[in-house]
Amino acid sequence: MDQSNTKHGKAYELWLNDPHIDEATKAELRAIADQPAEIEERFYKDLEFGTGGLRGIMGAGTNRMNRYTVARATQGFAQYILANRKEGENPSVVIAYDSRQNSPEFALTSALVLAASGIQAKVFPELRPTPQLSFAVRALKASGGIVITASHNPPEYNGYKVYNAEGGQLVPHEAEQVIEQIRGIDSFDQVRMAAREEAEAQGLLQWLGEAEDLSYITTVAAQSRNRSRIEGAGGLGESFAIVYTPLHGSGNMPVRRVLEEIGFRNVHVVPEQERPDGQFPTVKSPNPEEREAFAMAVRLAERIDADIIIGTDPDADRMGAVVRNNQGEYEVLTGNQSGAIMVHYLLSQMQAAGELPANGAVVKTIVTSEMGAVIAEHYGAKVLNTLTGFKYIGEKMTQFAASGEHTFLFGYEESYGYLAGEYARDKDAVIAAMLICEAAAYYKSQGKTLYDVLNELYASHGYFLEKLESRTLKGKDGLEQIQSIMSEWRSNPPAQVAGVNVKRRLDYSEGIDGLPRENVLKFIMEDGSWFCLRPSGTEPKIKLYFAVRGESYDQASAALDRLVEAVTEKL
């Protein structure tokens, strides 16, 4: 089939003939010359720069992650920084990356594009967690940040996230300005790139190191609420046994360092998953939300009788925890459960110490359980909701800092992202690992497991149960299917689901509750349960969130099953 007259066919030919494209990339493209569907998939659009940046399958093409799409995005980001530069400011950008394939190359490409525009690039020479990037942007008073990661996506993916001067991912009004700059770059001869040696000699390429690492670890450790009870001879940290898996990612060193810093001495790292590896050879998905990712950790925990298992995703911004249940079996806590436990632990300890501020606030997303909100309100804290994505929680934190209206206490989302303290503007698995282990050790000293604490919270505040279902729909056809599903639920919304009337439909694409517009539908039922439809912003998925509250576990579980079945049947 002759594709030379199609839009994607023309783009394919442009890449083959562009003198700025290297020969290895052109050879990859020539190898698919007789695969029209593959050419279309790679070139039917530009890889979309969303509010979080780029994320996609690695390979040659406009709809792929490669050094050319990264360089083009960075050129746009550089132009955005220069356009918004304050008088007298010497702009700089901090760059970090995780363990994925091509991450060091993409990071260096970004640095050299920035250097060519006269913007100093401050680069971590080896993999570092995403939250450390957020911290470093603030600590070094940089103009912005870039991190190369695709979080917990499959191995064939990589991504490119952009941060503002506050250390938060770009929110929509900022991202739109960057997107506008990128759209103006029609060809690669508009992308400038400095030579590495020249950039280093001019001080436009600077390598970060141990000083920045130590500053981050010390700052995270300072958020501990019970350090004096954990460290030292006879402290809680001596015998409390922790199993940790970094899932081949960037969390290994910082998580271990911060646990050691506050006094945990009995930490066992899963040896098969300790070393960074972008192929993630021991798991189907390097995602601490999934029990399968903890299989090796559970085996190790059973051997040593561990008190808790923790795991972090490749860029160490998400943390999952596994605890023993009443049958003595290891059970993975959901993000909502871990979040509720940390809200309770943090606020109760602050209250006991007389350090809970009167204007304290907890921030969560619209798809996160209300359990943490109820607990926070029990301690007198204000609870605010944001759209999905930690960038919105970070934005709230910045608003609090400017207005003084609230003191930020804790922010979290059901997808295993947590932050305590104001040192960063993104979720941080390092501090989450520290806090959940600290909480578990503290309650162990009282003869309780975290599972016991969770059941006490249910008994006090209600049995909140949640479930997440996802439908993966890949490629151009999948995108159209997702759009069709959302359109159908908007035009024909149900009046009743599982025998319960729909009390309120929230269409966030209309910009409700003072939040930015986003393609999300939430249905709140008369019995207080709710469900939500949301296309993923980073993966080819539509996500379905379900939540109920009951007076007993059995009642809540039955209600959840009915809700899930009714919604998925209609879908």
Protein backbone atom coordinates (compact mmCIF):
# COMPACT_ATOMS: atom_id res chain seq x y z
CA MET A 1 0.00 0.00 0.00
CA ASP A 2 1.42 3.39 -1.05
CA GLN A 3 1.38 5.70 1.95
CA SER A 4 3.38 8.58 0.46
CA ASN A 5 0.30 10.80 0.20
CA THR A 6 -0.95 10.16 3.74
CA LYS A 7 -0.02 12.46 6.60
CA HIS A 8 1.83 9.72 8.44
CA GLY A 9 3.49 8.56 5.22
CA LYS A 10 4.84 12.04 4.56
CA ALA A 11 6.13 12.29 8.14
CA TYR A 12 7.84 8.91 7.70
CA GLU A 13 9.59 10.13 4.53
CA LEU A 14 10.64 13.38 6.22
CA TRP A 15 12.42 11.43 8.95
CA LEU A 16 14.15 9.21 6.40
CA ASN A 17 15.45 12.23 4.52
CA ASP A 18 16.18 14.57 7.43
CA PRO A 19 19.95 15.22 7.73
CA HIS A 20 19.55 15.75 11.48
CA ILE A 21 18.36 12.13 12.02
CA ASP A 22 21.15 9.64 12.69
CA GLU A 23 21.73 6.60 10.50
CA ALA A 24 20.77 4.03 13.16
CA THR A 25 17.34 5.63 13.51
CA LYS A 26 16.88 5.67 9.74
CA ALA A 27 17.84 2.00 9.56
CA GLU A 28 15.15 1.22 12.15
CA LEU A 29 12.63 3.07 9.97
CA ARG A 30 13.71 1.35 6.76
CA ALA A 31 13.14 -2.00 8.48
CA ILE A 32 9.38 -1.24 8.73
CA ALA A 33 9.02 0.05 5.13
CA ASP A 34 6.71 -2.88 4.27
CA GLN A 35 4.61 -2.54 7.46
CA PRO A 36 2.00 0.16 6.78
CA ALA A 37 0.18 -0.35 10.09
CA GLU A 38 3.43 0.09 12.03
CA ILE A 39 4.32 3.23 10.07
CA GLU A 40 0.89 4.67 10.77
CA GLU A 41 1.13 3.85 14.50
CA ARG A 42 4.53 5.55 14.75
CA PHE A 43 3.68 8.64 12.71
CA TYR A 44 -0.08 9.28 12.80
CA LYS A 45 0.48 11.93 15.47
CA ASP A 46 3.17 13.62 17.53
CA LEU A 47 3.73 12.02 20.93
CA GLU A 48 1.38 14.09 23.02
CA PHE A 49 2.84 16.49 25.56
CA GLY A 50 0.27 16.37 28.35
CA THR A 51 0.23 18.22 31.63
CA GLY A 52 2.86 15.81 32.95
CA GLY A 53 5.06 15.80 29.84
CA LEU A 54 5.70 12.92 27.44
CA ARG A 55 5.25 9.18 27.89
CA GLY A 56 5.31 6.50 25.23
CA ILE A 57 6.89 3.41 23.69
CA MET A 58 10.55 3.88 22.78
CA GLY A 59 11.50 3.79 19.12
CA ALA A 60 11.84 5.89 15.98
CA GLY A 61 8.92 8.10 14.96
CA THR A 62 6.95 11.18 15.97
CA ASN A 63 4.66 9.08 18.21
CA ARG A 64 7.56 7.43 20.04
CA MET A 65 9.99 8.27 22.83
CA ASN A 66 13.40 8.93 21.28
CA ARG A 67 16.10 11.54 21.58
CA TYR A 68 14.54 13.63 18.83
CA THR A 69 11.11 13.90 20.44
CA VAL A 70 12.87 14.55 23.77
CA ALA A 71 15.07 17.23 22.21
CA ARG A 72 12.08 18.92 20.57
CA ALA A 73 10.16 18.96 23.87
CA THR A 74 13.20 20.35 25.69
CA GLN A 75 13.64 23.10 23.10
CA GLY A 76 10.04 24.10 23.76
CA PHE A 77 10.62 23.99 27.53
CA ALA A 78 13.77 26.09 27.15
CA GLN A 79 11.86 28.72 25.17
CA TYR A 80 9.13 28.72 27.84
CA ILE A 81 11.72 29.28 30.61
CA LEU A 82 13.38 32.13 28.71
CA ALA A 83 10.01 33.74 27.91
CA ASN A 84 9.10 33.70 31.61
CA ARG A 85 12.52 34.61 32.99
CA LYS A 86 12.56 37.29 35.65
CA GLU A 87 14.87 40.26 35.22
CA GLY A 88 18.39 39.43 36.39
CA GLU A 89 17.66 35.70 36.71
CA ASN A 90 20.22 33.16 35.51
CA PRO A 91 17.92 30.28 34.56
CA SER A 92 18.76 26.71 35.51
CA VAL A 93 17.04 23.32 35.30
CA VAL A 94 17.68 20.23 37.43
CA ILE A 95 17.58 16.88 35.59
CA ALA A 96 17.20 13.36 37.02
CA TYR A 97 16.40 9.94 35.59
CA ASP A 98 15.49 6.42 36.68
CA SER A 99 16.56 2.93 35.63
CA ARG A 100 14.72 2.66 32.32
CA GLN A 101 16.39 1.97 28.99
CA ASN A 102 17.84 5.10 27.32
CA SER A 103 17.19 7.27 30.39
CA PRO A 104 20.82 8.53 30.70
CA GLU A 105 20.86 9.39 26.98
CA PHE A 106 17.54 11.26 27.17
CA ALA A 107 18.75 13.15 30.26
CA LEU A 108 21.99 14.23 28.57
CA THR A 109 20.11 15.21 25.40
CA SER A 110 17.84 17.41 27.50
CA ALA A 111 20.82 18.99 29.26
CA LEU A 112 22.63 19.84 26.03
CA VAL A 113 19.52 21.39 24.47
CA LEU A 114 19.11 23.58 27.55
CA ALA A 115 22.80 24.51 27.50
CA ALA A 116 22.52 25.62 23.87
CA SER A 117 19.88 28.12 24.98
CA GLY A 118 22.09 29.45 27.77
CA ILE A 119 20.20 27.62 30.53
CA GLN A 120 22.35 25.86 33.10
CA ALA A 121 21.57 22.14 33.38
CA LYS A 122 22.24 20.60 36.80
CA VAL A 123 22.22 16.85 36.24
CA PHE A 124 22.36 13.90 38.60
CA PRO A 125 25.05 11.59 37.13
CA GLU A 126 23.21 8.40 38.12
CA LEU A 127 19.61 7.37 38.71
CA ARG A 128 17.72 9.25 41.43
CA PRO A 129 14.11 9.20 42.65
CA THR A 130 11.60 11.59 41.09
CA PRO A 131 10.82 13.19 44.49
CA GLN A 132 14.50 14.02 44.95
CA LEU A 133 14.28 15.95 41.69
CA SER A 134 11.33 17.90 43.09
CA PHE A 135 13.29 18.60 46.28
CA ALA A 136 16.43 19.63 44.39
CA VAL A 137 14.57 22.13 42.19
CA ARG A 138 13.43 23.90 45.36
CA ALA A 139 16.69 23.51 47.29
CA LEU A 140 18.83 24.78 44.40
CA LYS A 141 16.34 27.54 43.53
CA ALA A 142 16.21 26.34 39.93
CA SER A 143 13.84 27.61 37.24
CA GLY A 144 12.44 24.13 36.65
CA GLY A 145 13.17 20.44 36.43
CA ILE A 146 13.06 17.44 34.10
CA VAL A 147 12.90 13.79 35.09
CA ILE A 148 13.19 10.91 32.65
CA THR A 149 10.84 8.14 33.78
CA ALA A 150 7.76 6.17 32.80
CA SER A 151 6.91 5.32 36.40
CA HIS A 152 5.58 1.73 36.51
CA ASN A 153 4.77 1.33 32.80
CA PRO A 154 6.04 -1.79 30.95
CA PRO A 155 9.75 -1.94 29.97
CA GLU A 156 9.20 -0.70 26.40
CA TYR A 157 8.06 2.70 27.71
CA ASN A 158 9.93 5.78 28.83
CA GLY A 159 8.78 9.27 29.67
CA TYR A 160 9.71 12.89 30.24
CA LYS A 161 8.19 14.91 33.09
CA VAL A 162 8.60 18.66 33.47
CA TYR A 163 8.60 20.64 36.72
CA ASN A 164 8.13 24.31 37.57
CA ALA A 165 10.26 26.44 39.89
CA GLU A 166 8.20 25.31 42.89
CA GLY A 167 9.24 21.70 42.25
CA GLY A 168 5.78 20.64 41.07
CA GLN A 169 4.79 19.05 37.79
CA LEU A 170 3.37 21.59 35.38
CA VAL A 171 -0.34 22.25 35.87
CA PRO A 172 -2.52 22.84 32.78
CA HIS A 173 -2.06 26.61 32.37
CA GLU A 174 1.73 26.15 32.54
CA ALA A 175 1.79 23.08 30.31
CA GLU A 176 -0.25 24.86 27.64
CA GLN A 177 2.47 27.50 27.34
CA VAL A 178 5.12 24.80 26.86
CA ILE A 179 2.91 22.97 24.36
CA GLU A 180 2.50 26.19 22.39
CA GLN A 181 6.28 26.56 22.20
CA ILE A 182 6.71 22.93 21.09
CA ARG A 183 4.07 23.27 18.38
CA GLY A 184 6.10 26.09 16.86
CA ILE A 185 9.05 23.73 16.27
CA ASP A 186 8.32 22.32 12.82
CA SER A 187 11.67 20.73 12.05
CA PHE A 188 14.71 19.51 13.89
CA ASP A 189 16.93 22.27 12.51
CA GLN A 190 15.10 24.54 14.98
CA VAL A 191 16.42 22.41 17.86
CA ARG A 192 19.83 23.56 19.11
CA MET A 193 22.18 21.30 21.03
CA ALA A 194 25.51 22.17 22.64
CA ALA A 195 28.57 19.92 22.61
CA ARG A 196 29.05 18.24 25.99
CA GLU A 197 32.67 19.38 26.48
CA GLU A 198 31.81 22.96 25.61
CA ALA A 199 28.76 22.99 27.90
CA GLU A 200 30.85 21.65 30.81
CA ALA A 201 33.65 24.17 30.17
CA GLN A 202 31.15 27.05 30.17
CA GLY A 203 29.49 25.86 33.36
CA LEU A 204 26.22 25.23 31.53
CA LEU A 205 26.40 21.51 32.32
CA GLN A 206 26.94 20.84 36.02
CA TRP A 207 26.96 17.44 37.69
CA LEU A 208 25.30 17.05 41.09
CA GLY A 209 26.36 14.56 43.74
CA GLU A 210 26.68 13.53 47.39
CA ALA A 211 25.97 16.97 48.85
CA GLU A 212 22.54 17.02 47.21
CA ASP A 213 21.88 13.41 48.24
CA LEU A 214 22.72 14.10 51.87
CA SER A 215 20.56 17.21 51.93
CA TYR A 216 17.58 15.23 50.65
CA ILE A 217 18.02 12.29 53.06
CA THR A 218 18.46 14.61 56.05
CA THR A 219 15.36 16.59 55.12
CA VAL A 220 13.20 13.49 54.71
CA ALA A 221 14.43 12.01 57.99
CA ALA A 222 13.52 15.27 59.76
CA GLN A 223 9.84 14.48 59.12
CA SER A 224 10.02 11.48 61.51
CA ARG A 225 7.60 11.66 64.44
CA ASN A 226 9.24 9.00 66.66
CA ARG A 227 12.90 8.95 65.75
CA SER A 228 14.03 9.02 69.40
CA ARG A 229 12.08 5.82 70.09
CA ILE A 230 13.45 4.01 67.03
CA GLU A 231 17.18 4.72 67.04
CA GLY A 232 19.85 3.58 69.47
CA ALA A 233 20.46 0.46 71.52
CA GLY A 234 17.18 -1.04 72.62
CA GLY A 235 15.20 1.21 70.28
CA LEU A 236 12.28 0.03 68.17
CA GLY A 237 14.52 -0.07 65.10
CA GLU A 238 16.83 -2.78 66.46
CA SER A 239 14.54 -5.81 66.14
CA PHE A 240 11.81 -4.57 63.81
CA ALA A 241 12.32 -6.58 60.60
CA ILE A 242 11.73 -4.90 57.25
CA VAL A 243 11.84 -6.48 53.79
CA TYR A 244 12.27 -3.98 50.97
CA THR A 245 12.16 -4.30 47.20
CA PRO A 246 13.10 -1.41 44.90
CA LEU A 247 11.76 -3.44 41.92
CA HIS A 248 14.95 -2.76 39.93
CA GLY A 249 14.45 1.01 40.28
CA SER A 250 15.92 4.13 41.86
CA GLY A 251 14.66 3.67 45.42
CA ASN A 252 17.30 1.24 46.69
CA MET A 253 19.88 3.63 48.10
CA PRO A 254 17.66 6.50 49.33
CA VAL A 255 15.10 4.25 51.04
CA ARG A 256 17.81 2.27 52.80
CA ARG A 257 19.67 5.44 53.77
CA VAL A 258 16.65 7.17 55.30
CA LEU A 259 15.61 4.03 57.22
CA GLU A 260 19.12 3.75 58.59
CA GLU A 261 19.20 7.47 59.35
CA ILE A 262 16.24 7.21 61.75
CA GLY A 263 17.46 4.00 63.37
CA PHE A 264 16.13 0.94 61.50
CA ARG A 265 18.91 -1.65 61.54
CA ASN A 266 17.10 -4.82 60.46
CA VAL A 267 16.39 -4.09 56.78
CA HIS A 268 16.56 -6.88 54.18
CA VAL A 269 16.58 -5.99 50.48
CA VAL A 270 15.28 -8.57 47.99
CA PRO A 271 18.58 -9.50 46.28
CA GLU A 272 17.07 -10.47 42.91
CA GLN A 273 15.39 -7.05 42.62
CA GLU A 274 18.05 -4.82 44.15
CA ARG A 275 20.05 -3.78 41.08
CA PRO A 276 18.64 -1.24 38.60
CA ASP A 277 17.42 -2.89 35.41
CA GLY A 278 15.13 -1.26 32.86
CA GLN A 279 13.94 -4.65 31.66
CA PHE A 280 12.45 -5.42 35.10
CA PRO A 281 13.22 -9.13 34.56
CA THR A 282 11.64 -10.53 37.74
CA VAL A 283 8.15 -8.99 37.42
CA LYS A 284 5.42 -8.61 34.82
CA SER A 285 5.02 -5.00 35.93
CA PRO A 286 7.24 -3.01 38.34
CA ASN A 287 4.16 -1.74 40.14
CA PRO A 288 3.84 -1.89 43.95
CA GLU A 289 0.04 -1.73 43.55
CA GLU A 290 0.08 -5.36 42.39
CA ARG A 291 0.59 -8.33 44.69
CA GLU A 292 2.52 -10.21 42.03
CA ALA A 293 5.30 -7.62 42.22
CA PHE A 294 5.82 -8.63 45.87
CA ALA A 295 6.12 -12.40 45.26
CA MET A 296 9.87 -12.55 45.92
CA ALA A 297 9.60 -10.14 48.84
CA VAL A 298 6.91 -12.26 50.47
CA ARG A 299 9.06 -15.39 50.20
CA LEU A 300 11.95 -13.55 51.87
CA ALA A 301 9.63 -12.12 54.53
CA GLU A 302 8.29 -15.59 55.38
CA ARG A 303 11.85 -16.88 55.80
CA ILE A 304 12.89 -14.15 58.22
CA ASP A 305 9.47 -13.51 59.82
CA ALA A 306 9.44 -9.86 58.71
CA ASP A 307 7.17 -7.35 60.40
CA ILE A 308 6.49 -5.44 57.17
CA ILE A 309 7.27 -5.51 53.45
CA ILE A 310 7.66 -2.30 51.45
CA GLY A 311 8.20 -1.78 47.74
CA THR A 312 8.80 1.21 45.50
CA ASP A 313 8.27 1.69 41.78
CA PRO A 314 11.13 2.48 39.33
CA ASP A 315 11.25 6.23 39.97
CA ALA A 316 10.45 5.81 43.68
CA ASP A 317 7.48 8.11 43.87
CA ARG A 318 4.98 5.32 44.73
CA MET A 319 5.20 2.99 47.73
CA GLY A 320 3.28 -0.17 48.53
CA ALA A 321 3.19 -1.96 51.88
CA VAL A 322 2.43 -5.57 52.83
CA VAL A 323 1.48 -6.59 56.37
CA ARG A 324 0.38 -9.74 58.18
CA ASN A 325 -3.38 -10.17 58.52
CA ASN A 326 -5.24 -11.96 61.32
CA GLN A 327 -4.50 -15.35 59.70
CA GLY A 328 -0.77 -14.60 59.70
CA GLU A 329 -0.66 -14.20 55.91
CA TYR A 330 0.98 -11.27 54.17
CA GLU A 331 -1.61 -8.97 52.64
CA VAL A 332 -0.98 -6.00 50.32
CA LEU A 333 -2.52 -2.80 51.66
CA THR A 334 -4.33 -0.67 49.10
CA GLY A 335 -3.20 2.89 48.54
CA ASN A 336 -6.33 4.06 50.33
CA GLN A 337 -5.61 1.86 53.35
CA SER A 338 -1.97 2.91 53.64
CA GLY A 339 -2.99 6.53 53.25
CA ALA A 340 -5.62 6.29 55.98
CA ILE A 341 -3.13 4.64 58.36
CA MET A 342 -0.52 7.34 57.71
CA VAL A 343 -3.06 10.14 58.18
CA HIS A 344 -4.08 8.59 61.52
CA TYR A 345 -0.51 7.98 62.67
CA LEU A 346 0.83 11.37 61.64
CA LEU A 347 -2.02 13.46 63.02
CA SER A 348 -2.38 11.46 66.25
CA GLN A 349 1.35 11.84 66.95
CA MET A 350 1.26 15.55 66.20
CA GLN A 351 -1.76 15.96 68.47
CA ALA A 352 -0.09 14.02 71.30
CA ALA A 353 2.98 16.25 71.01
CA GLY A 354 0.86 19.41 70.95
CA GLU A 355 2.12 20.20 67.44
CA LEU A 356 -1.08 19.87 65.41
CA PRO A 357 -1.75 23.31 63.91
CA ALA A 358 -5.26 24.74 64.08
CA ASN A 359 -5.22 25.44 60.34
CA GLY A 360 -3.80 22.06 59.31
CA ALA A 361 -4.94 20.57 56.01
CA VAL A 362 -4.89 17.17 54.33
CA VAL A 363 -5.18 17.13 50.54
CA LYS A 364 -6.39 14.17 48.48
CA THR A 365 -7.69 13.50 44.97
CA ILE A 366 -11.31 13.08 43.86
CA VAL A 367 -10.83 9.33 43.26
CA THR A 368 -9.28 8.69 46.67
CA SER A 369 -11.30 7.10 49.47
CA GLU A 370 -13.14 9.31 51.95
CA MET A 371 -11.76 7.26 54.85
CA GLY A 372 -8.64 9.38 55.23
CA ALA A 373 -10.79 12.50 55.02
CA VAL A 374 -13.03 11.31 57.86
CA ILE A 375 -9.97 10.51 59.99
CA ALA A 376 -8.37 13.89 59.25
CA GLU A 377 -11.57 15.70 60.17
CA HIS A 378 -11.68 13.69 63.41
CA TYR A 379 -8.40 15.40 64.34
CA GLY A 380 -9.75 18.81 63.33
CA ALA A 381 -7.91 19.07 60.02
CA LYS A 382 -9.41 20.60 56.90
CA VAL A 383 -9.69 18.26 53.89
CA LEU A 384 -9.41 19.52 50.32
CA ASN A 385 -9.91 17.58 47.08
CA THR A 386 -8.03 17.97 43.82
CA LEU A 387 -8.17 16.36 40.40
CA THR A 388 -6.17 13.17 39.90
CA GLY A 389 -2.46 13.80 39.71
CA PHE A 390 -0.07 14.89 42.44
CA LYS A 391 0.69 18.08 40.53
CA TYR A 392 -2.62 19.44 41.80
CA ILE A 393 -1.74 18.55 45.40
CA GLY A 394 1.60 20.31 44.89
CA GLU A 395 -0.23 23.34 43.52
CA LYS A 396 -2.40 23.46 46.67
CA MET A 397 0.74 23.34 48.81
CA THR A 398 2.19 26.32 46.98
CA GLN A 399 -1.06 28.22 47.44
CA PHE A 400 -1.02 27.44 51.18
CA ALA A 401 2.57 28.68 51.48
CA ALA A 402 1.67 31.94 49.74
CA SER A 403 -1.59 32.66 51.57
CA GLY A 404 -0.94 31.15 55.00
CA GLU A 405 -4.56 29.97 55.00
CA HIS A 406 -3.61 26.38 55.76
CA THR A 407 -0.61 24.43 57.00
CA PHE A 408 -0.01 21.39 54.80
CA LEU A 409 0.05 18.16 56.83
CA PHE A 410 -0.27 15.31 54.36
CA GLY A 411 -1.22 14.72 50.74
CA TYR A 412 -2.06 11.45 49.06
CA GLU A 413 -3.77 9.66 46.22
CA GLU A 414 -5.14 6.14 46.00
CA SER A 415 -2.49 5.16 43.46
CA TYR A 416 0.15 4.80 46.20
CA GLY A 417 1.44 8.40 46.18
CA TYR A 418 2.07 10.17 49.52
CA LEU A 419 3.85 13.22 50.89
CA ALA A 420 4.35 14.65 54.38
CA GLY A 421 6.34 17.84 54.91
CA GLU A 422 6.78 20.81 52.62
CA TYR A 423 10.24 20.06 51.20
CA ALA A 424 8.90 18.79 47.83
CA ARG A 425 5.88 19.19 45.57
CA ASP A 426 5.54 15.61 44.36
CA LYS A 427 4.69 12.27 45.90
CA ASP A 428 7.60 10.60 47.62
CA ALA A 429 7.99 6.87 48.19
CA VAL A 430 11.06 7.49 50.34
CA ILE A 431 9.18 9.39 53.05
CA ALA A 432 6.19 7.06 52.66
CA ALA A 433 8.46 4.06 53.28
CA MET A 434 9.88 5.77 56.35
CA LEU A 435 6.48 6.73 57.79
CA ILE A 436 4.76 3.38 57.22
CA CYS A 437 7.69 1.51 58.81
CA GLU A 438 7.79 3.97 61.69
CA ALA A 439 4.05 3.59 62.25
CA ALA A 440 4.30 -0.20 62.13
CA ALA A 441 7.16 -0.23 64.65
CA TYR A 442 5.33 2.18 66.95
CA TYR A 443 2.14 0.10 66.95
CA LYS A 444 4.13 -3.13 67.37
CA SER A 445 5.44 -1.67 70.64
CA GLN A 446 1.76 -1.51 71.67
CA GLY A 447 1.16 -5.12 70.65
CA LYS A 448 -0.60 -4.28 67.37
CA THR A 449 0.03 -4.85 63.68
CA LEU A 450 -0.97 -2.32 61.02
CA TYR A 451 -3.76 -4.74 60.13
CA ASP A 452 -5.06 -4.40 63.70
CA VAL A 453 -4.87 -0.62 63.43
CA LEU A 454 -6.74 -0.67 60.15
CA ASN A 455 -9.57 -2.71 61.67
CA GLU A 456 -9.75 -0.32 64.62
CA LEU A 457 -10.10 2.57 62.17
CA TYR A 458 -12.87 0.72 60.32
CA ALA A 459 -14.72 0.11 63.59
CA SER A 460 -14.41 3.78 64.55
CA HIS A 461 -15.09 5.47 61.23
CA GLY A 462 -16.94 2.99 59.02
CA TYR A 463 -15.96 0.22 56.64
CA PHE A 464 -14.66 2.00 53.55
CA LEU A 465 -13.96 -0.37 50.67
CA GLU A 466 -12.72 0.54 47.21
CA LYS A 467 -11.82 -1.13 43.96
CA LEU A 468 -10.07 -0.09 40.77
CA GLU A 469 -10.80 -1.75 37.42
CA SER A 470 -8.88 -0.90 34.25
CA ARG A 471 -9.52 -1.60 30.58
CA THR A 472 -6.38 -1.44 28.41
CA LEU A 473 -7.15 -0.24 24.87
CA LYS A 474 -3.95 0.30 22.91
CA GLY A 475 -3.17 2.33 19.81
CA LYS A 476 -5.29 4.63 17.67
CA ASP A 477 -8.33 2.33 17.78
CA GLY A 478 -8.07 2.06 21.55
CA LEU A 479 -8.02 5.84 21.95
CA GLU A 480 -11.18 6.09 19.86
CA GLN A 481 -12.86 3.40 21.98
CA ILE A 482 -12.05 5.26 25.19
CA GLN A 483 -13.45 8.49 23.75
CA SER A 484 -16.60 6.64 22.69
CA ILE A 485 -17.11 5.18 26.18
CA MET A 486 -16.83 8.59 27.83
CA SER A 487 -19.20 10.12 25.27
CA GLU A 488 -21.80 7.38 25.84
CA TRP A 489 -21.78 7.81 29.64
CA ARG A 490 -22.13 11.57 29.22
CA SER A 491 -25.01 11.46 26.75
CA ASN A 492 -26.85 8.55 28.42
CA PRO A 493 -26.07 8.73 32.14
CA PRO A 494 -27.76 6.12 34.35
CA ALA A 495 -30.48 7.23 36.78
CA GLN A 496 -29.98 4.11 38.89
CA VAL A 497 -27.13 1.64 39.37
CA ALA A 498 -27.39 -1.67 41.26
CA GLY A 499 -30.79 -0.68 42.56
CA VAL A 500 -29.53 2.61 44.04
CA ASN A 501 -30.49 6.01 42.64
CA VAL A 502 -27.78 8.31 41.29
CA LYS A 503 -27.84 11.41 43.49
CA ARG A 504 -25.36 13.54 41.55
CA ARG A 505 -23.31 13.34 38.37
CA LEU A 506 -20.06 15.30 38.38
CA ASP A 507 -18.63 16.03 34.93
CA TYR A 508 -15.20 17.52 35.54
CA SER A 509 -14.83 18.41 31.87
CA GLU A 510 -17.16 21.31 32.69
CA GLY A 511 -14.73 22.76 35.23
CA ILE A 512 -16.72 22.17 38.42
CA ASP A 513 -15.92 22.80 42.11
CA GLY A 514 -13.31 25.38 41.11
CA LEU A 515 -11.11 22.71 39.54
CA PRO A 516 -9.52 22.72 36.06
CA ARG A 517 -11.39 20.97 33.25
CA GLU A 518 -10.57 17.28 32.95
CA ASN A 519 -12.13 14.32 31.16
CA VAL A 520 -13.54 12.62 34.28
CA LEU A 521 -17.06 11.52 35.22
CA LYS A 522 -18.05 10.76 38.82
CA PHE A 523 -21.42 9.41 39.92
CA ILE A 524 -22.41 9.80 43.58
CA MET A 525 -25.17 7.47 44.78
CA GLU A 526 -27.89 8.11 47.35
CA ASP A 527 -26.32 5.63 49.79
CA GLY A 528 -22.99 7.52 49.74
CA SER A 529 -21.21 5.10 47.42
CA TRP A 530 -19.68 6.41 44.21
CA PHE A 531 -17.95 5.37 41.02
CA CYS A 532 -15.80 7.26 38.56
CA LEU A 533 -14.72 6.86 34.92
CA ARG A 534 -11.36 8.36 34.00
CA PRO A 535 -9.12 7.83 30.97
CA SER A 536 -5.53 7.48 32.13
CA GLY A 537 -3.28 10.40 31.26
CA THR A 538 -0.17 8.21 31.02
CA GLU A 539 -1.30 4.78 29.80
CA PRO A 540 -3.68 3.47 27.10
CA LYS A 541 -6.35 2.69 29.70
CA ILE A 542 -9.72 3.76 30.96
CA LYS A 543 -9.87 3.48 34.74
CA LEU A 544 -13.01 2.71 36.77
CA TYR A 545 -12.98 3.64 40.45
CA PHE A 546 -15.53 2.28 42.94
CA ALA A 547 -16.08 3.15 46.61
CA VAL A 548 -18.61 2.21 49.30
CA ARG A 549 -19.03 2.70 53.05
CA GLY A 550 -20.79 0.18 55.28
CA GLU A 551 -21.47 -0.58 58.92
CA SER A 552 -19.70 -3.93 58.65
CA TYR A 553 -17.11 -5.46 56.36
CA ASP A 554 -19.58 -7.98 54.92
CA GLN A 555 -22.17 -5.30 54.18
CA ALA A 556 -19.64 -3.05 52.49
CA SER A 557 -18.12 -5.94 50.53
CA ALA A 558 -21.52 -7.04 49.17
CA ALA A 559 -22.41 -3.46 48.19
CA LEU A 560 -19.08 -3.05 46.41
CA ASP A 561 -19.56 -6.27 44.44
CA ARG A 562 -23.03 -5.15 43.31
CA LEU A 563 -21.75 -1.72 42.22
CA VAL A 564 -18.77 -3.11 40.30
CA GLU A 565 -20.88 -5.73 38.53
CA ALA A 566 -23.57 -3.24 37.49
CA VAL A 567 -21.15 -0.66 36.11
CA THR A 568 -18.85 -3.08 34.27
CA GLU A 569 -21.88 -4.83 32.75
CA LYS A 570 -23.09 -1.54 31.28
CA LEU A 571 -19.56 -0.73 30.09
